[in-house]
């Protein structure tokens, strides 16, 4: 089972095109929000093209799951073939239980509580544009960073990948593995 994890594309088609190379052969891709809109506080570069990104996402060769981010507007749902779920999306696939959320509406304690309530293996979130990969009890928490507008110490675009029992953070700059952590 190969599952792609992506967040905070903010309408940047080039971010998705780079991510597609990492996601090649994926069984599923999960987007943790801020899909098409840039929001008033993010810069807009030449590659910003939300309609082209929507078309590319709709044409992806694998199923997609979307969680709503704070920059995702109701009108964005008209451009995508899949629903944008809020406040989170629950995914049960291949014996794995995962919650995808943007992360802007939940405190840390809420995430841990939901992890127990739904017997989750993974909570995947975005919003901060900063990589996070850690275990809290039996729950793995992953933020793949931003595919388009990275922040933090690792100031390069990244995505996440679940494969062979590992969650990996992968650089979109050079395809290298930045971090990894086993599930379980």
Protein backbone atom coordinates (compact mmCIF):
# COMPACT_ATOMS: atom_id res chain seq x y z
CA UNK A 1 0.00 0.00 0.00
CA UNK A 2 1.36 3.40 -1.03
CA UNK A 3 -0.41 6.53 0.25
CA UNK A 4 0.68 10.06 -0.61
CA UNK A 5 0.27 12.86 1.94
CA UNK A 6 0.27 16.48 0.81
CA UNK A 7 -0.76 19.81 2.27
CA UNK A 8 -0.78 23.50 1.57
CA UNK A 9 -0.46 23.55 -2.22
CA UNK A 10 -2.24 26.94 -2.21
CA UNK A 11 -3.02 26.85 -5.93
CA UNK A 12 0.54 26.16 -7.09
CA UNK A 13 0.53 23.74 -10.02
CA UNK A 14 4.32 23.29 -9.94
CA UNK A 15 4.08 21.93 -6.39
CA UNK A 16 1.60 19.28 -7.52
CA UNK A 17 3.66 18.36 -10.59
CA UNK A 18 6.70 17.68 -8.38
CA UNK A 19 4.58 15.76 -5.87
CA UNK A 20 3.17 13.55 -8.63
CA UNK A 21 6.66 12.16 -9.23
CA UNK A 22 6.87 11.05 -5.59
CA UNK A 23 3.30 9.70 -5.66
CA UNK A 24 3.83 7.63 -8.83
CA UNK A 25 2.07 4.29 -8.34
CA UNK A 26 0.15 5.46 -5.25
CA UNK A 27 -3.04 3.70 -4.21
CA UNK A 28 -4.44 6.88 -2.65
CA UNK A 29 -3.41 10.51 -2.06
CA UNK A 30 -4.68 12.52 0.90
CA UNK A 31 -4.56 16.34 0.89
CA UNK A 32 -4.74 18.05 4.28
CA UNK A 33 -6.11 21.33 2.98
CA UNK A 34 -5.33 24.77 1.61
CA UNK A 35 -5.68 23.22 -1.80
CA UNK A 36 -6.47 25.94 -4.34
CA UNK A 37 -6.58 29.29 -2.51
CA UNK A 38 -3.54 31.30 -1.52
CA UNK A 39 -5.10 33.40 1.22
CA UNK A 40 -4.25 37.06 1.85
CA UNK A 41 -1.06 36.39 3.82
CA UNK A 42 0.76 34.13 1.35
CA UNK A 43 2.75 35.42 -1.62
CA UNK A 44 1.59 34.75 -5.16
CA UNK A 45 4.18 33.66 -7.67
CA UNK A 46 4.00 33.03 -11.40
CA UNK A 47 3.19 29.34 -10.84
CA UNK A 48 -0.05 30.20 -8.99
CA UNK A 49 -2.82 28.72 -11.12
CA UNK A 50 -5.67 27.25 -9.05
CA UNK A 51 -7.79 26.14 -12.03
CA UNK A 52 -4.87 24.31 -13.63
CA UNK A 53 -4.16 22.67 -10.27
CA UNK A 54 -7.83 21.66 -9.91
CA UNK A 55 -7.74 20.06 -13.36
CA UNK A 56 -4.53 18.18 -12.49
CA UNK A 57 -5.98 16.93 -9.19
CA UNK A 58 -9.16 15.81 -10.96
CA UNK A 59 -7.04 13.96 -13.54
CA UNK A 60 -4.87 12.13 -10.99
CA UNK A 61 -4.63 8.37 -11.66
CA UNK A 62 -5.44 7.52 -8.02
CA UNK A 63 -8.33 8.35 -5.68
CA UNK A 64 -8.02 11.55 -3.68
CA UNK A 65 -9.26 12.56 -0.22
CA UNK A 66 -9.38 16.26 0.71
CA UNK A 67 -9.70 17.90 4.13
CA UNK A 68 -10.76 21.55 4.27
CA UNK A 69 -8.14 24.15 5.18
CA UNK A 70 -8.62 27.72 6.35
CA UNK A 71 -7.91 29.03 2.81
CA UNK A 72 -10.35 26.64 1.12
CA UNK A 73 -13.54 28.40 0.08
CA UNK A 74 -16.91 26.84 -0.64
CA UNK A 75 -16.47 27.72 -4.31
CA UNK A 76 -13.36 25.51 -4.44
CA UNK A 77 -15.63 22.48 -4.15
CA UNK A 78 -17.07 23.40 -7.56
CA UNK A 79 -13.64 23.00 -9.16
CA UNK A 80 -12.83 19.59 -7.64
CA UNK A 81 -14.39 16.23 -8.46
CA UNK A 82 -13.99 15.03 -4.86
CA UNK A 83 -15.62 16.61 -1.79
CA UNK A 84 -13.55 18.73 0.56
CA UNK A 85 -14.34 17.25 3.97
CA UNK A 86 -14.48 19.26 7.19
CA UNK A 87 -13.43 19.42 9.94
CA UNK A 88 -11.61 16.19 9.13
CA UNK A 89 -11.70 13.13 6.89
CA UNK A 90 -11.49 9.61 8.29
CA UNK A 91 -9.76 7.07 6.06
CA UNK A 92 -9.69 3.33 6.68
CA UNK A 93 -7.59 1.54 4.06
CA UNK A 94 -5.40 -1.54 4.05
CA UNK A 95 -5.77 -2.09 7.80
CA UNK A 96 -4.65 1.51 8.46
CA UNK A 97 -6.83 4.07 10.23
CA UNK A 98 -6.03 7.70 9.51
CA UNK A 99 -7.56 11.09 10.18
CA UNK A 100 -6.73 13.94 7.82
CA UNK A 101 -7.34 17.48 9.05
CA UNK A 102 -5.86 20.83 8.21
CA UNK A 103 -5.06 21.42 11.86
CA UNK A 104 -6.21 25.02 12.26
CA UNK A 105 -9.30 24.12 14.32
CA UNK A 106 -7.88 21.46 16.65
CA UNK A 107 -5.62 21.78 19.65
CA UNK A 108 -3.06 19.07 20.36
CA UNK A 109 -5.25 17.57 23.08
CA UNK A 110 -8.17 17.39 20.61
CA UNK A 111 -6.06 15.46 18.12
CA UNK A 112 -4.99 12.96 20.76
CA UNK A 113 -8.57 12.57 21.97
CA UNK A 114 -9.84 11.97 18.42
CA UNK A 115 -7.01 9.48 17.89
CA UNK A 116 -8.33 7.44 20.80
CA UNK A 117 -11.99 7.89 19.91
CA UNK A 118 -11.50 6.55 16.37
CA UNK A 119 -8.69 4.11 17.24
CA UNK A 120 -6.39 5.85 14.77
CA UNK A 121 -2.92 4.86 13.67
CA UNK A 122 -2.13 8.25 12.10
CA UNK A 123 -3.27 11.85 12.39
CA UNK A 124 -2.17 13.80 9.31
CA UNK A 125 -2.37 17.58 9.36
CA UNK A 126 -1.03 20.67 7.64
CA UNK A 127 -1.55 24.42 8.20
CA UNK A 128 1.82 25.34 9.74
CA UNK A 129 3.84 24.57 6.58
CA UNK A 130 6.38 23.01 8.96
CA UNK A 131 7.40 19.34 8.92
CA UNK A 132 6.33 17.28 11.91
CA UNK A 133 6.75 13.55 12.39
CA UNK A 134 6.41 12.09 15.87
CA UNK A 135 4.68 9.48 17.99
CA UNK A 136 2.42 10.38 20.88
CA UNK A 137 1.61 7.14 22.64
CA UNK A 138 0.47 4.77 19.91
CA UNK A 139 -0.52 7.61 17.59
CA UNK A 140 1.73 8.80 14.79
CA UNK A 141 1.32 12.52 14.02
CA UNK A 142 2.54 13.74 10.65
CA UNK A 143 2.61 17.14 9.01
CA UNK A 144 4.31 16.76 5.62
CA UNK A 145 5.11 20.47 5.52
CA UNK A 146 4.04 22.49 2.50
CA UNK A 147 4.43 21.35 -1.09
CA UNK A 148 4.36 25.00 -2.21
CA UNK A 149 5.25 27.50 0.53
CA UNK A 150 7.50 25.83 3.13
CA UNK A 151 8.37 27.43 6.46
CA UNK A 152 10.57 26.50 9.39
CA UNK A 153 14.12 25.15 9.56
CA UNK A 154 13.61 22.88 6.55
CA UNK A 155 12.75 25.63 4.10
CA UNK A 156 12.12 23.47 1.03
CA UNK A 157 8.92 21.94 -0.36
CA UNK A 158 7.99 18.50 0.97
CA UNK A 159 5.31 15.81 0.91
CA UNK A 160 4.66 12.67 2.94
CA UNK A 161 4.53 9.08 1.84
CA UNK A 162 3.24 6.01 3.66
CA UNK A 163 4.80 2.84 2.31
CA UNK A 164 6.04 -0.46 3.74
CA UNK A 165 4.99 0.42 7.30
CA UNK A 166 6.88 3.74 7.27
CA UNK A 167 5.78 7.34 7.01
CA UNK A 168 8.44 9.31 5.16
CA UNK A 169 8.87 13.01 4.52
CA UNK A 170 10.27 13.52 1.02
CA UNK A 171 11.91 16.66 -0.39
CA UNK A 172 10.37 17.91 -3.62
CA UNK A 173 13.64 19.67 -4.40
CA UNK A 174 15.72 16.52 -4.87
CA UNK A 175 13.50 13.54 -3.95
CA UNK A 176 15.53 12.70 -0.87
CA UNK A 177 14.03 11.28 2.31
CA UNK A 178 14.13 13.96 4.99
CA UNK A 179 12.70 11.93 7.89
CA UNK A 180 10.92 8.64 8.45
CA UNK A 181 9.13 6.88 11.27
CA UNK A 182 7.63 3.40 11.52
CA UNK A 183 3.98 2.91 12.31
CA UNK A 184 3.24 0.76 15.34
